[in-house]
Protein backbone atom coordinates (compact mmCIF):
# COMPACT_ATOMS: atom_id res chain seq x y z
CA UNK A 1 0.00 0.00 0.00
CA UNK A 2 2.83 2.33 0.80
CA UNK A 3 4.38 1.78 -2.64
CA UNK A 4 1.03 2.22 -4.37
CA UNK A 5 0.42 5.42 -2.44
CA UNK A 6 3.85 6.75 -3.41
CA UNK A 7 3.24 5.96 -7.09
CA UNK A 8 -0.17 7.63 -6.94
CA UNK A 9 1.31 10.71 -5.28
CA UNK A 10 4.05 11.01 -7.89
CA UNK A 11 1.48 10.57 -10.66
CA UNK A 12 -0.57 13.41 -9.21
CA UNK A 13 2.55 15.59 -8.94
CA UNK A 14 3.42 14.95 -12.57
CA UNK A 15 -0.13 15.83 -13.65
CA UNK A 16 0.02 19.09 -11.72
CA UNK A 17 3.43 19.87 -13.21
CA UNK A 18 2.43 19.12 -16.83
CA UNK A 19 -1.32 18.62 -17.26
CA UNK A 20 -2.57 21.71 -15.45
CA UNK A 21 -0.35 24.19 -17.35
CA UNK A 22 -1.31 22.59 -20.67
CA UNK A 23 -5.01 22.80 -19.88
CA UNK A 24 -4.93 26.36 -18.55
CA UNK A 25 -2.51 27.86 -21.06
CA UNK A 26 -3.44 25.98 -24.23
CA UNK A 27 -6.75 24.12 -24.22
CA UNK A 28 -9.11 26.41 -22.32
CA UNK A 29 -8.08 29.64 -24.10
CA UNK A 30 -8.51 27.90 -27.47
CA UNK A 31 -11.99 26.64 -26.63
CA UNK A 32 -13.08 30.01 -25.23
CA UNK A 33 -11.82 31.90 -28.28
CA UNK A 34 -13.90 29.88 -30.73
CA UNK A 35 -16.95 29.93 -28.47
CA UNK A 36 -16.74 33.73 -28.38
CA UNK A 37 -16.25 33.94 -32.13
CA UNK A 38 -19.31 31.72 -32.62
CA UNK A 39 -21.21 34.30 -30.55
CA UNK A 40 -19.98 36.99 -33.00
CA UNK A 41 -17.55 38.61 -30.55
CA UNK A 42 -14.90 40.72 -32.31
CA UNK A 43 -11.55 39.04 -32.95
CA UNK A 44 -9.49 41.28 -30.71
CA UNK A 45 -12.03 40.97 -27.87
CA UNK A 46 -12.14 37.18 -28.19
CA UNK A 47 -8.34 37.01 -28.16
CA UNK A 48 -8.15 39.29 -25.14
CA UNK A 49 -10.82 37.44 -23.15
CA UNK A 50 -9.35 34.01 -23.94
CA UNK A 51 -5.98 35.29 -22.76
CA UNK A 52 -7.50 36.22 -19.40
CA UNK A 53 -7.72 32.52 -18.40
CA UNK A 54 -3.95 31.88 -18.08
CA UNK A 55 -3.45 35.36 -16.63
CA UNK A 56 -6.12 34.81 -13.97
CA UNK A 57 -4.65 31.40 -13.16
CA UNK A 58 -1.20 32.98 -12.82
CA UNK A 59 -2.50 35.63 -10.42
CA UNK A 60 -4.46 33.06 -8.40
CA UNK A 61 -1.44 30.76 -8.17
CA UNK A 62 0.73 33.64 -6.96
CA UNK A 63 -1.81 34.54 -4.27
CA UNK A 64 -2.12 30.94 -3.05
CA UNK A 65 1.64 30.30 -3.01
CA UNK A 66 2.38 33.82 -1.77
CA UNK A 67 5.20 34.07 -4.26
CA UNK A 68 5.43 35.07 -7.91
CA UNK A 69 6.77 32.54 -10.42
CA UNK A 70 8.66 33.81 -13.46
CA UNK A 71 6.27 32.17 -15.94
CA UNK A 72 3.18 33.49 -14.17
CA UNK A 73 4.57 37.03 -14.19
CA UNK A 74 5.50 36.66 -17.86
CA UNK A 75 1.94 35.65 -18.82
CA UNK A 76 0.38 38.61 -17.03
CA UNK A 77 2.90 41.18 -18.32
CA UNK A 78 2.67 40.01 -21.94
CA UNK A 79 -1.13 39.95 -21.87
CA UNK A 80 -1.26 43.49 -20.48
CA UNK A 81 1.34 44.80 -22.91
CA UNK A 82 -0.20 43.17 -25.98
CA UNK A 83 -3.70 44.31 -24.96
CA UNK A 84 -2.48 47.89 -24.66
CA UNK A 85 -0.64 47.80 -27.98
CA UNK A 86 -3.61 46.17 -29.70
CA UNK A 87 -5.93 48.89 -28.40
CA UNK A 88 -3.58 51.59 -29.74
CA UNK A 89 -2.92 49.95 -33.10
CA UNK A 90 -6.39 48.52 -33.60
CA UNK A 91 -4.88 45.25 -34.83
CA UNK A 92 -5.68 41.88 -33.22
CA UNK A 93 -2.44 40.51 -34.66
CA UNK A 94 -0.57 42.27 -31.86
CA UNK A 95 -2.45 40.06 -29.39
CA UNK A 96 -1.53 37.01 -31.46
CA UNK A 97 2.15 37.92 -31.18
CA UNK A 98 1.84 37.43 -27.41
CA UNK A 99 1.86 33.68 -28.08
CA UNK A 100 5.24 34.11 -29.75
CA UNK A 101 6.61 36.34 -26.99
CA UNK A 102 6.11 33.73 -24.27
CA UNK A 103 8.26 30.98 -25.87
CA UNK A 104 10.92 33.54 -26.82
CA UNK A 105 11.38 34.57 -23.19
CA UNK A 106 11.09 31.00 -21.94
CA UNK A 107 13.56 29.70 -24.51
CA UNK A 108 16.15 32.32 -23.62
CA UNK A 109 15.61 31.68 -19.92
CA UNK A 110 15.97 27.90 -20.37
CA UNK A 111 19.17 28.35 -22.33
CA UNK A 112 20.39 30.82 -19.72
CA UNK A 113 20.23 28.12 -17.05
CA UNK A 114 23.07 26.37 -18.87
CA UNK A 115 25.34 28.99 -17.32
CA UNK A 116 23.93 28.45 -13.81
CA UNK A 117 25.16 25.94 -11.24
CA UNK A 118 22.43 23.50 -12.33
CA UNK A 119 20.52 23.58 -15.66
CA UNK A 120 16.73 23.50 -15.91
CA UNK A 121 16.60 19.76 -16.70
CA UNK A 122 18.25 19.00 -13.36
CA UNK A 123 15.79 21.13 -11.38
CA UNK A 124 12.86 19.65 -13.31
CA UNK A 125 14.05 16.17 -12.39
CA UNK A 126 14.35 17.14 -8.73
CA UNK A 127 10.63 17.98 -8.68
CA UNK A 128 9.88 14.37 -9.63
CA UNK A 129 12.16 12.78 -7.04
CA UNK A 130 11.73 12.07 -3.38
CA UNK A 131 14.39 13.07 -0.82
CA UNK A 132 16.45 9.92 -1.46
CA UNK A 133 16.32 10.45 -5.22
CA UNK A 134 17.27 14.10 -4.85
CA UNK A 135 20.32 13.18 -2.80
CA UNK A 136 21.38 10.54 -5.33
CA UNK A 137 20.95 13.02 -8.18
CA UNK A 138 23.09 15.61 -6.41
CA UNK A 139 25.82 13.00 -5.95
CA UNK A 140 25.55 11.91 -9.58
CA UNK A 141 25.82 15.54 -10.68
CA UNK A 142 29.02 16.00 -8.72
CA UNK A 143 30.67 12.72 -9.71
CA UNK A 144 29.33 11.74 -13.14
CA UNK A 145 30.33 13.90 -16.13
CA UNK A 146 27.94 11.84 -18.30
CA UNK A 147 25.02 12.78 -16.02
CA UNK A 148 25.86 16.48 -16.30
CA UNK A 149 26.30 16.27 -20.07
CA UNK A 150 22.97 14.50 -20.56
CA UNK A 151 21.00 17.03 -18.51
CA UNK A 152 22.71 19.97 -20.19
CA UNK A 153 21.91 18.42 -23.58
CA UNK A 154 18.23 18.13 -22.67
CA UNK A 155 18.19 21.72 -21.44
CA UNK A 156 19.68 22.87 -24.74
CA UNK A 157 17.06 20.84 -26.60
CA UNK A 158 14.17 22.30 -24.58
CA UNK A 159 15.40 25.86 -25.02
CA UNK A 160 15.85 25.42 -28.76
CA UNK A 161 12.36 23.96 -29.05
CA UNK A 162 10.88 27.05 -27.38
CA UNK A 163 12.67 29.35 -29.80
CA UNK A 164 11.44 27.24 -32.73
CA UNK A 165 7.91 27.51 -31.36
CA UNK A 166 8.31 31.30 -31.13
CA UNK A 167 9.54 31.58 -34.73
CA UNK A 168 6.68 29.49 -36.11
CA UNK A 169 4.14 31.38 -33.98
CA UNK A 170 5.42 34.70 -35.33
CA UNK A 171 5.08 33.52 -38.93
CA UNK A 172 1.54 32.27 -38.24
CA UNK A 173 0.48 35.44 -36.41
CA UNK A 174 1.64 37.69 -39.24
CA UNK A 175 0.72 35.56 -42.24
CA UNK A 176 -2.36 33.40 -41.57
CA UNK A 177 -6.02 34.45 -41.32
CA UNK A 178 -6.61 35.63 -37.76
CA UNK A 179 -9.31 33.08 -36.89
CA UNK A 180 -7.04 30.27 -38.06
CA UNK A 181 -4.02 31.30 -35.99
CA UNK A 182 -5.18 30.09 -32.52
CA UNK A 183 -5.84 26.50 -33.59
CA UNK A 184 -2.78 26.31 -35.87
CA UNK A 185 -0.65 27.72 -33.09
CA UNK A 186 -1.92 25.19 -30.55
CA UNK A 187 -1.40 22.28 -32.96
CA UNK A 188 2.13 23.52 -33.64
CA UNK A 189 2.88 23.91 -29.92
CA UNK A 190 1.48 20.46 -29.08
CA UNK A 191 3.49 18.90 -31.92
CA UNK A 192 6.72 20.47 -30.69
CA UNK A 193 5.89 19.55 -27.10
CA UNK A 194 5.10 15.97 -28.07
CA UNK A 195 8.38 15.68 -29.95
CA UNK A 196 10.28 17.05 -26.95
CA UNK A 197 8.56 14.63 -24.58
CA UNK A 198 9.33 11.69 -26.86
CA UNK A 199 12.99 12.71 -27.23
CA UNK A 200 13.31 13.30 -23.49
CA UNK A 201 11.87 9.87 -22.66
CA UNK A 202 14.05 8.20 -25.27
CA UNK A 203 17.24 9.87 -24.05
CA UNK A 204 16.37 9.22 -20.41
CA UNK A 205 15.78 5.51 -21.03
CA UNK A 206 18.94 5.18 -23.09
CA UNK A 207 20.95 6.81 -20.32
CA UNK A 208 19.40 4.59 -17.64
CA UNK A 209 20.02 1.44 -19.70
CA UNK A 210 23.65 2.36 -20.26
CA UNK A 211 24.64 3.77 -16.88
CA UNK A 212 22.10 2.24 -14.49
CA UNK A 213 20.89 5.59 -13.14
CA UNK A 214 17.81 7.56 -14.27
CA UNK A 215 17.95 11.18 -15.34
CA UNK A 216 14.56 11.73 -13.70
CA UNK A 217 12.88 10.02 -10.77
CA UNK A 218 14.30 7.39 -8.44
CA UNK A 219 16.65 4.56 -9.32
CA UNK A 220 14.84 1.24 -9.30
CA UNK A 221 15.84 -1.36 -6.73
CA UNK A 222 18.56 -3.57 -8.11
CA UNK A 223 19.27 -1.15 -10.96
CA UNK A 224 21.52 -2.74 -13.58
CA UNK A 225 25.21 -2.01 -13.45
CA UNK A 226 26.72 -0.10 -16.34
CA UNK A 227 27.67 -2.10 -19.40
CA UNK A 228 30.17 -1.73 -22.19
CA UNK A 229 32.52 1.18 -21.79
CA UNK A 230 30.42 2.96 -19.13
CA UNK A 231 32.32 4.22 -16.06
CA UNK A 232 31.34 1.44 -13.65
CA UNK A 233 33.08 2.71 -10.57
CA UNK A 234 31.70 6.23 -10.58
CA UNK A 235 28.15 5.09 -11.37
CA UNK A 236 28.29 2.54 -8.59
CA UNK A 237 29.53 5.21 -6.22
CA UNK A 238 26.79 7.61 -7.26
CA UNK A 239 24.04 5.06 -6.74
CA UNK A 240 25.12 3.01 -3.76
CA UNK A 241 27.52 4.93 -1.54
C-alpha atoms as a PDB file:
ATOM      1  CA  UNK A   1       0.000   0.000   0.000  1.00  0.00           C
ATOM      2  CA  UNK A   2       2.831   2.328   0.801  1.00  0.00           C
ATOM      3  CA  UNK A   3       4.383   1.784  -2.637  1.00  0.00           C
ATOM      4  CA  UNK A   4       1.034   2.217  -4.368  1.00  0.00           C
ATOM      5  CA  UNK A   5       0.423   5.421  -2.438  1.00  0.00           C
ATOM      6  CA  UNK A   6       3.845   6.749  -3.412  1.00  0.00           C
ATOM      7  CA  UNK A   7       3.238   5.959  -7.091  1.00  0.00           C
ATOM      8  CA  UNK A   8      -0.170   7.632  -6.936  1.00  0.00           C
ATOM      9  CA  UNK A   9       1.307  10.714  -5.282  1.00  0.00           C
ATOM     10  CA  UNK A  10       4.045  11.008  -7.893  1.00  0.00           C
ATOM     11  CA  UNK A  11       1.479  10.566 -10.661  1.00  0.00           C
ATOM     12  CA  UNK A  12      -0.567  13.415  -9.205  1.00  0.00           C
ATOM     13  CA  UNK A  13       2.547  15.591  -8.941  1.00  0.00           C
ATOM     14  CA  UNK A  14       3.420  14.951 -12.569  1.00  0.00           C
ATOM     15  CA  UNK A  15      -0.132  15.830 -13.649  1.00  0.00           C
ATOM     16  CA  UNK A  16       0.015  19.088 -11.721  1.00  0.00           C
ATOM     17  CA  UNK A  17       3.426  19.866 -13.214  1.00  0.00           C
ATOM     18  CA  UNK A  18       2.431  19.124 -16.826  1.00  0.00           C
ATOM     19  CA  UNK A  19      -1.316  18.625 -17.263  1.00  0.00           C
ATOM     20  CA  UNK A  20      -2.569  21.713 -15.452  1.00  0.00           C
ATOM     21  CA  UNK A  21      -0.346  24.193 -17.348  1.00  0.00           C
ATOM     22  CA  UNK A  22      -1.309  22.593 -20.670  1.00  0.00           C
ATOM     23  CA  UNK A  23      -5.005  22.802 -19.875  1.00  0.00           C
ATOM     24  CA  UNK A  24      -4.928  26.357 -18.552  1.00  0.00           C
ATOM     25  CA  UNK A  25      -2.511  27.858 -21.060  1.00  0.00           C
ATOM     26  CA  UNK A  26      -3.441  25.977 -24.234  1.00  0.00           C
ATOM     27  CA  UNK A  27      -6.751  24.118 -24.225  1.00  0.00           C
ATOM     28  CA  UNK A  28      -9.106  26.407 -22.318  1.00  0.00           C
ATOM     29  CA  UNK A  29      -8.077  29.642 -24.101  1.00  0.00           C
ATOM     30  CA  UNK A  30      -8.507  27.900 -27.469  1.00  0.00           C
ATOM     31  CA  UNK A  31     -11.993  26.643 -26.628  1.00  0.00           C
ATOM     32  CA  UNK A  32     -13.079  30.008 -25.225  1.00  0.00           C
ATOM     33  CA  UNK A  33     -11.821  31.898 -28.281  1.00  0.00           C
ATOM     34  CA  UNK A  34     -13.902  29.878 -30.725  1.00  0.00           C
ATOM     35  CA  UNK A  35     -16.955  29.931 -28.467  1.00  0.00           C
ATOM     36  CA  UNK A  36     -16.739  33.734 -28.377  1.00  0.00           C
ATOM     37  CA  UNK A  37     -16.248  33.935 -32.129  1.00  0.00           C
ATOM     38  CA  UNK A  38     -19.308  31.721 -32.620  1.00  0.00           C
ATOM     39  CA  UNK A  39     -21.209  34.298 -30.548  1.00  0.00           C
ATOM     40  CA  UNK A  40     -19.976  36.986 -33.000  1.00  0.00           C
ATOM     41  CA  UNK A  41     -17.553  38.614 -30.552  1.00  0.00           C
ATOM     42  CA  UNK A  42     -14.902  40.718 -32.310  1.00  0.00           C
ATOM     43  CA  UNK A  43     -11.553  39.038 -32.949  1.00  0.00           C
ATOM     44  CA  UNK A  44      -9.485  41.280 -30.706  1.00  0.00           C
ATOM     45  CA  UNK A  45     -12.027  40.967 -27.865  1.00  0.00           C
ATOM     46  CA  UNK A  46     -12.142  37.180 -28.187  1.00  0.00           C
ATOM     47  CA  UNK A  47      -8.341  37.013 -28.157  1.00  0.00           C
ATOM     48  CA  UNK A  48      -8.145  39.291 -25.138  1.00  0.00           C
ATOM     49  CA  UNK A  49     -10.820  37.436 -23.151  1.00  0.00           C
ATOM     50  CA  UNK A  50      -9.347  34.010 -23.936  1.00  0.00           C
ATOM     51  CA  UNK A  51      -5.978  35.289 -22.757  1.00  0.00           C
ATOM     52  CA  UNK A  52      -7.496  36.219 -19.398  1.00  0.00           C
ATOM     53  CA  UNK A  53      -7.722  32.522 -18.401  1.00  0.00           C
ATOM     54  CA  UNK A  54      -3.954  31.875 -18.079  1.00  0.00           C
ATOM     55  CA  UNK A  55      -3.451  35.364 -16.633  1.00  0.00           C
ATOM     56  CA  UNK A  56      -6.118  34.807 -13.969  1.00  0.00           C
ATOM     57  CA  UNK A  57      -4.647  31.396 -13.160  1.00  0.00           C
ATOM     58  CA  UNK A  58      -1.201  32.978 -12.820  1.00  0.00           C
ATOM     59  CA  UNK A  59      -2.502  35.625 -10.418  1.00  0.00           C
ATOM     60  CA  UNK A  60      -4.464  33.063  -8.401  1.00  0.00           C
ATOM     61  CA  UNK A  61      -1.442  30.760  -8.172  1.00  0.00           C
ATOM     62  CA  UNK A  62       0.732  33.636  -6.962  1.00  0.00           C
ATOM     63  CA  UNK A  63      -1.810  34.541  -4.272  1.00  0.00           C
ATOM     64  CA  UNK A  64      -2.120  30.943  -3.048  1.00  0.00           C
ATOM     65  CA  UNK A  65       1.642  30.298  -3.006  1.00  0.00           C
ATOM     66  CA  UNK A  66       2.377  33.824  -1.770  1.00  0.00           C
ATOM     67  CA  UNK A  67       5.196  34.065  -4.262  1.00  0.00           C
ATOM     68  CA  UNK A  68       5.432  35.065  -7.911  1.00  0.00           C
ATOM     69  CA  UNK A  69       6.772  32.539 -10.423  1.00  0.00           C
ATOM     70  CA  UNK A  70       8.661  33.809 -13.462  1.00  0.00           C
ATOM     71  CA  UNK A  71       6.274  32.165 -15.936  1.00  0.00           C
ATOM     72  CA  UNK A  72       3.176  33.494 -14.165  1.00  0.00           C
ATOM     73  CA  UNK A  73       4.572  37.027 -14.189  1.00  0.00           C
ATOM     74  CA  UNK A  74       5.497  36.660 -17.856  1.00  0.00           C
ATOM     75  CA  UNK A  75       1.945  35.650 -18.823  1.00  0.00           C
ATOM     76  CA  UNK A  76       0.380  38.610 -17.032  1.00  0.00           C
ATOM     77  CA  UNK A  77       2.896  41.177 -18.325  1.00  0.00           C
ATOM     78  CA  UNK A  78       2.672  40.011 -21.944  1.00  0.00           C
ATOM     79  CA  UNK A  79      -1.128  39.947 -21.874  1.00  0.00           C
ATOM     80  CA  UNK A  80      -1.264  43.488 -20.483  1.00  0.00           C
ATOM     81  CA  UNK A  81       1.343  44.804 -22.914  1.00  0.00           C
ATOM     82  CA  UNK A  82      -0.204  43.170 -25.978  1.00  0.00           C
ATOM     83  CA  UNK A  83      -3.703  44.308 -24.960  1.00  0.00           C
ATOM     84  CA  UNK A  84      -2.476  47.890 -24.660  1.00  0.00           C
ATOM     85  CA  UNK A  85      -0.644  47.804 -27.983  1.00  0.00           C
ATOM     86  CA  UNK A  86      -3.605  46.173 -29.701  1.00  0.00           C
ATOM     87  CA  UNK A  87      -5.933  48.893 -28.405  1.00  0.00           C
ATOM     88  CA  UNK A  88      -3.582  51.588 -29.740  1.00  0.00           C
ATOM     89  CA  UNK A  89      -2.917  49.949 -33.096  1.00  0.00           C
ATOM     90  CA  UNK A  90      -6.385  48.522 -33.596  1.00  0.00           C
ATOM     91  CA  UNK A  91      -4.876  45.250 -34.833  1.00  0.00           C
ATOM     92  CA  UNK A  92      -5.680  41.884 -33.222  1.00  0.00           C
ATOM     93  CA  UNK A  93      -2.437  40.512 -34.663  1.00  0.00           C
ATOM     94  CA  UNK A  94      -0.575  42.269 -31.863  1.00  0.00           C
ATOM     95  CA  UNK A  95      -2.450  40.060 -29.395  1.00  0.00           C
ATOM     96  CA  UNK A  96      -1.526  37.010 -31.458  1.00  0.00           C
ATOM     97  CA  UNK A  97       2.152  37.916 -31.176  1.00  0.00           C
ATOM     98  CA  UNK A  98       1.841  37.428 -27.412  1.00  0.00           C
ATOM     99  CA  UNK A  99       1.856  33.681 -28.076  1.00  0.00           C
ATOM    100  CA  UNK A 100       5.245  34.109 -29.746  1.00  0.00           C
ATOM    101  CA  UNK A 101       6.612  36.339 -26.993  1.00  0.00           C
ATOM    102  CA  UNK A 102       6.111  33.735 -24.275  1.00  0.00           C
ATOM    103  CA  UNK A 103       8.258  30.981 -25.870  1.00  0.00           C
ATOM    104  CA  UNK A 104      10.921  33.543 -26.821  1.00  0.00           C
ATOM    105  CA  UNK A 105      11.376  34.569 -23.192  1.00  0.00           C
ATOM    106  CA  UNK A 106      11.088  30.995 -21.939  1.00  0.00           C
ATOM    107  CA  UNK A 107      13.560  29.700 -24.507  1.00  0.00           C
ATOM    108  CA  UNK A 108      16.145  32.323 -23.618  1.00  0.00           C
ATOM    109  CA  UNK A 109      15.609  31.682 -19.921  1.00  0.00           C
ATOM    110  CA  UNK A 110      15.970  27.902 -20.367  1.00  0.00           C
ATOM    111  CA  UNK A 111      19.171  28.354 -22.330  1.00  0.00           C
ATOM    112  CA  UNK A 112      20.392  30.820 -19.719  1.00  0.00           C
ATOM    113  CA  UNK A 113      20.229  28.117 -17.052  1.00  0.00           C
ATOM    114  CA  UNK A 114      23.071  26.368 -18.870  1.00  0.00           C
ATOM    115  CA  UNK A 115      25.341  28.991 -17.319  1.00  0.00           C
ATOM    116  CA  UNK A 116      23.931  28.452 -13.812  1.00  0.00           C
ATOM    117  CA  UNK A 117      25.159  25.939 -11.244  1.00  0.00           C
ATOM    118  CA  UNK A 118      22.430  23.503 -12.332  1.00  0.00           C
ATOM    119  CA  UNK A 119      20.524  23.579 -15.664  1.00  0.00           C
ATOM    120  CA  UNK A 120      16.735  23.500 -15.910  1.00  0.00           C
ATOM    121  CA  UNK A 121      16.602  19.763 -16.698  1.00  0.00           C
ATOM    122  CA  UNK A 122      18.254  18.996 -13.360  1.00  0.00           C
ATOM    123  CA  UNK A 123      15.793  21.129 -11.384  1.00  0.00           C
ATOM    124  CA  UNK A 124      12.860  19.649 -13.312  1.00  0.00           C
ATOM    125  CA  UNK A 125      14.053  16.173 -12.388  1.00  0.00           C
ATOM    126  CA  UNK A 126      14.350  17.136  -8.735  1.00  0.00           C
ATOM    127  CA  UNK A 127      10.627  17.980  -8.684  1.00  0.00           C
ATOM    128  CA  UNK A 128       9.880  14.367  -9.635  1.00  0.00           C
ATOM    129  CA  UNK A 129      12.156  12.775  -7.041  1.00  0.00           C
ATOM    130  CA  UNK A 130      11.731  12.072  -3.379  1.00  0.00           C
ATOM    131  CA  UNK A 131      14.386  13.068  -0.818  1.00  0.00           C
ATOM    132  CA  UNK A 132      16.447   9.921  -1.464  1.00  0.00           C
ATOM    133  CA  UNK A 133      16.315  10.449  -5.217  1.00  0.00           C
ATOM    134  CA  UNK A 134      17.274  14.103  -4.851  1.00  0.00           C
ATOM    135  CA  UNK A 135      20.324  13.178  -2.803  1.00  0.00           C
ATOM    136  CA  UNK A 136      21.378  10.536  -5.332  1.00  0.00           C
ATOM    137  CA  UNK A 137      20.950  13.021  -8.182  1.00  0.00           C
ATOM    138  CA  UNK A 138      23.088  15.607  -6.410  1.00  0.00           C
ATOM    139  CA  UNK A 139      25.824  13.004  -5.952  1.00  0.00           C
ATOM    140  CA  UNK A 140      25.553  11.905  -9.576  1.00  0.00           C
ATOM    141  CA  UNK A 141      25.820  15.538 -10.685  1.00  0.00           C
ATOM    142  CA  UNK A 142      29.015  15.998  -8.719  1.00  0.00           C
ATOM    143  CA  UNK A 143      30.667  12.725  -9.714  1.00  0.00           C
ATOM    144  CA  UNK A 144      29.330  11.740 -13.137  1.00  0.00           C
ATOM    145  CA  UNK A 145      30.333  13.901 -16.132  1.00  0.00           C
ATOM    146  CA  UNK A 146      27.941  11.842 -18.296  1.00  0.00           C
ATOM    147  CA  UNK A 147      25.021  12.777 -16.020  1.00  0.00           C
ATOM    148  CA  UNK A 148      25.862  16.476 -16.297  1.00  0.00           C
ATOM    149  CA  UNK A 149      26.295  16.266 -20.073  1.00  0.00           C
ATOM    150  CA  UNK A 150      22.972  14.496 -20.559  1.00  0.00           C
ATOM    151  CA  UNK A 151      21.000  17.031 -18.514  1.00  0.00           C
ATOM    152  CA  UNK A 152      22.708  19.974 -20.191  1.00  0.00           C
ATOM    153  CA  UNK A 153      21.911  18.424 -23.575  1.00  0.00           C
ATOM    154  CA  UNK A 154      18.231  18.131 -22.672  1.00  0.00           C
ATOM    155  CA  UNK A 155      18.194  21.719 -21.436  1.00  0.00           C
ATOM    156  CA  UNK A 156      19.676  22.874 -24.743  1.00  0.00           C
ATOM    157  CA  UNK A 157      17.060  20.840 -26.604  1.00  0.00           C
ATOM    158  CA  UNK A 158      14.169  22.303 -24.581  1.00  0.00           C
ATOM    159  CA  UNK A 159      15.401  25.863 -25.017  1.00  0.00           C
ATOM    160  CA  UNK A 160      15.848  25.425 -28.760  1.00  0.00           C
ATOM    161  CA  UNK A 161      12.356  23.961 -29.053  1.00  0.00           C
ATOM    162  CA  UNK A 162      10.882  27.048 -27.377  1.00  0.00           C
ATOM    163  CA  UNK A 163      12.673  29.347 -29.803  1.00  0.00           C
ATOM    164  CA  UNK A 164      11.439  27.244 -32.732  1.00  0.00           C
ATOM    165  CA  UNK A 165       7.910  27.512 -31.356  1.00  0.00           C
ATOM    166  CA  UNK A 166       8.312  31.300 -31.131  1.00  0.00           C
ATOM    167  CA  UNK A 167       9.539  31.579 -34.725  1.00  0.00           C
ATOM    168  CA  UNK A 168       6.676  29.486 -36.106  1.00  0.00           C
ATOM    169  CA  UNK A 169       4.135  31.378 -33.979  1.00  0.00           C
ATOM    170  CA  UNK A 170       5.415  34.698 -35.328  1.00  0.00           C
ATOM    171  CA  UNK A 171       5.075  33.519 -38.932  1.00  0.00           C
ATOM    172  CA  UNK A 172       1.540  32.266 -38.243  1.00  0.00           C
ATOM    173  CA  UNK A 173       0.479  35.440 -36.408  1.00  0.00           C
ATOM    174  CA  UNK A 174       1.636  37.688 -39.236  1.00  0.00           C
ATOM    175  CA  UNK A 175       0.717  35.564 -42.241  1.00  0.00           C
ATOM    176  CA  UNK A 176      -2.359  33.402 -41.568  1.00  0.00           C
ATOM    177  CA  UNK A 177      -6.018  34.448 -41.325  1.00  0.00           C
ATOM    178  CA  UNK A 178      -6.612  35.626 -37.757  1.00  0.00           C
ATOM    179  CA  UNK A 179      -9.309  33.080 -36.894  1.00  0.00           C
ATOM    180  CA  UNK A 180      -7.041  30.272 -38.056  1.00  0.00           C
ATOM    181  CA  UNK A 181      -4.015  31.299 -35.992  1.00  0.00           C
ATOM    182  CA  UNK A 182      -5.179  30.092 -32.521  1.00  0.00           C
ATOM    183  CA  UNK A 183      -5.844  26.496 -33.594  1.00  0.00           C
ATOM    184  CA  UNK A 184      -2.783  26.314 -35.873  1.00  0.00           C
ATOM    185  CA  UNK A 185      -0.652  27.722 -33.087  1.00  0.00           C
ATOM    186  CA  UNK A 186      -1.916  25.186 -30.554  1.00  0.00           C
ATOM    187  CA  UNK A 187      -1.397  22.281 -32.963  1.00  0.00           C
ATOM    188  CA  UNK A 188       2.125  23.522 -33.641  1.00  0.00           C
ATOM    189  CA  UNK A 189       2.876  23.914 -29.921  1.00  0.00           C
ATOM    190  CA  UNK A 190       1.475  20.465 -29.083  1.00  0.00           C
ATOM    191  CA  UNK A 191       3.487  18.904 -31.916  1.00  0.00           C
ATOM    192  CA  UNK A 192       6.725  20.471 -30.691  1.00  0.00           C
ATOM    193  CA  UNK A 193       5.887  19.553 -27.100  1.00  0.00           C
ATOM    194  CA  UNK A 194       5.104  15.970 -28.071  1.00  0.00           C
ATOM    195  CA  UNK A 195       8.383  15.682 -29.951  1.00  0.00           C
ATOM    196  CA  UNK A 196      10.280  17.048 -26.946  1.00  0.00           C
ATOM    197  CA  UNK A 197       8.562  14.625 -24.575  1.00  0.00           C
ATOM    198  CA  UNK A 198       9.328  11.687 -26.862  1.00  0.00           C
ATOM    199  CA  UNK A 199      12.986  12.712 -27.233  1.00  0.00           C
ATOM    200  CA  UNK A 200      13.311  13.302 -23.487  1.00  0.00           C
ATOM    201  CA  UNK A 201      11.874   9.872 -22.661  1.00  0.00           C
ATOM    202  CA  UNK A 202      14.053   8.197 -25.273  1.00  0.00           C
ATOM    203  CA  UNK A 203      17.243   9.872 -24.045  1.00  0.00           C
ATOM    204  CA  UNK A 204      16.373   9.216 -20.412  1.00  0.00           C
ATOM    205  CA  UNK A 205      15.778   5.510 -21.031  1.00  0.00           C
ATOM    206  CA  UNK A 206      18.942   5.175 -23.088  1.00  0.00           C
ATOM    207  CA  UNK A 207      20.951   6.813 -20.319  1.00  0.00           C
ATOM    208  CA  UNK A 208      19.403   4.591 -17.643  1.00  0.00           C
ATOM    209  CA  UNK A 209      20.025   1.438 -19.702  1.00  0.00           C
ATOM    210  CA  UNK A 210      23.655   2.359 -20.259  1.00  0.00           C
ATOM    211  CA  UNK A 211      24.640   3.773 -16.879  1.00  0.00           C
ATOM    212  CA  UNK A 212      22.100   2.239 -14.491  1.00  0.00           C
ATOM    213  CA  UNK A 213      20.891   5.585 -13.145  1.00  0.00           C
ATOM    214  CA  UNK A 214      17.806   7.556 -14.271  1.00  0.00           C
ATOM    215  CA  UNK A 215      17.954  11.177 -15.338  1.00  0.00           C
ATOM    216  CA  UNK A 216      14.562  11.732 -13.705  1.00  0.00           C
ATOM    217  CA  UNK A 217      12.884  10.018 -10.771  1.00  0.00           C
ATOM    218  CA  UNK A 218      14.301   7.392  -8.444  1.00  0.00           C
ATOM    219  CA  UNK A 219      16.649   4.559  -9.319  1.00  0.00           C
ATOM    220  CA  UNK A 220      14.844   1.237  -9.299  1.00  0.00           C
ATOM    221  CA  UNK A 221      15.836  -1.356  -6.728  1.00  0.00           C
ATOM    222  CA  UNK A 222      18.561  -3.571  -8.111  1.00  0.00           C
ATOM    223  CA  UNK A 223      19.268  -1.146 -10.958  1.00  0.00           C
ATOM    224  CA  UNK A 224      21.524  -2.739 -13.576  1.00  0.00           C
ATOM    225  CA  UNK A 225      25.208  -2.014 -13.449  1.00  0.00           C
ATOM    226  CA  UNK A 226      26.718  -0.100 -16.341  1.00  0.00           C
ATOM    227  CA  UNK A 227      27.673  -2.101 -19.396  1.00  0.00           C
ATOM    228  CA  UNK A 228      30.172  -1.735 -22.194  1.00  0.00           C
ATOM    229  CA  UNK A 229      32.516   1.180 -21.789  1.00  0.00           C
ATOM    230  CA  UNK A 230      30.421   2.957 -19.129  1.00  0.00           C
ATOM    231  CA  UNK A 231      32.323   4.220 -16.063  1.00  0.00           C
ATOM    232  CA  UNK A 232      31.344   1.437 -13.650  1.00  0.00           C
ATOM    233  CA  UNK A 233      33.085   2.708 -10.569  1.00  0.00           C
ATOM    234  CA  UNK A 234      31.696   6.233 -10.585  1.00  0.00           C
ATOM    235  CA  UNK A 235      28.153   5.095 -11.366  1.00  0.00           C
ATOM    236  CA  UNK A 236      28.291   2.536  -8.595  1.00  0.00           C
ATOM    237  CA  UNK A 237      29.527   5.207  -6.217  1.00  0.00           C
ATOM    238  CA  UNK A 238      26.791   7.609  -7.264  1.00  0.00           C
ATOM    239  CA  UNK A 239      24.037   5.056  -6.736  1.00  0.00           C
ATOM    240  CA  UNK A 240      25.120   3.008  -3.763  1.00  0.00           C
ATOM    241  CA  UNK A 241      27.521   4.928  -1.540  1.00  0.00           C
END
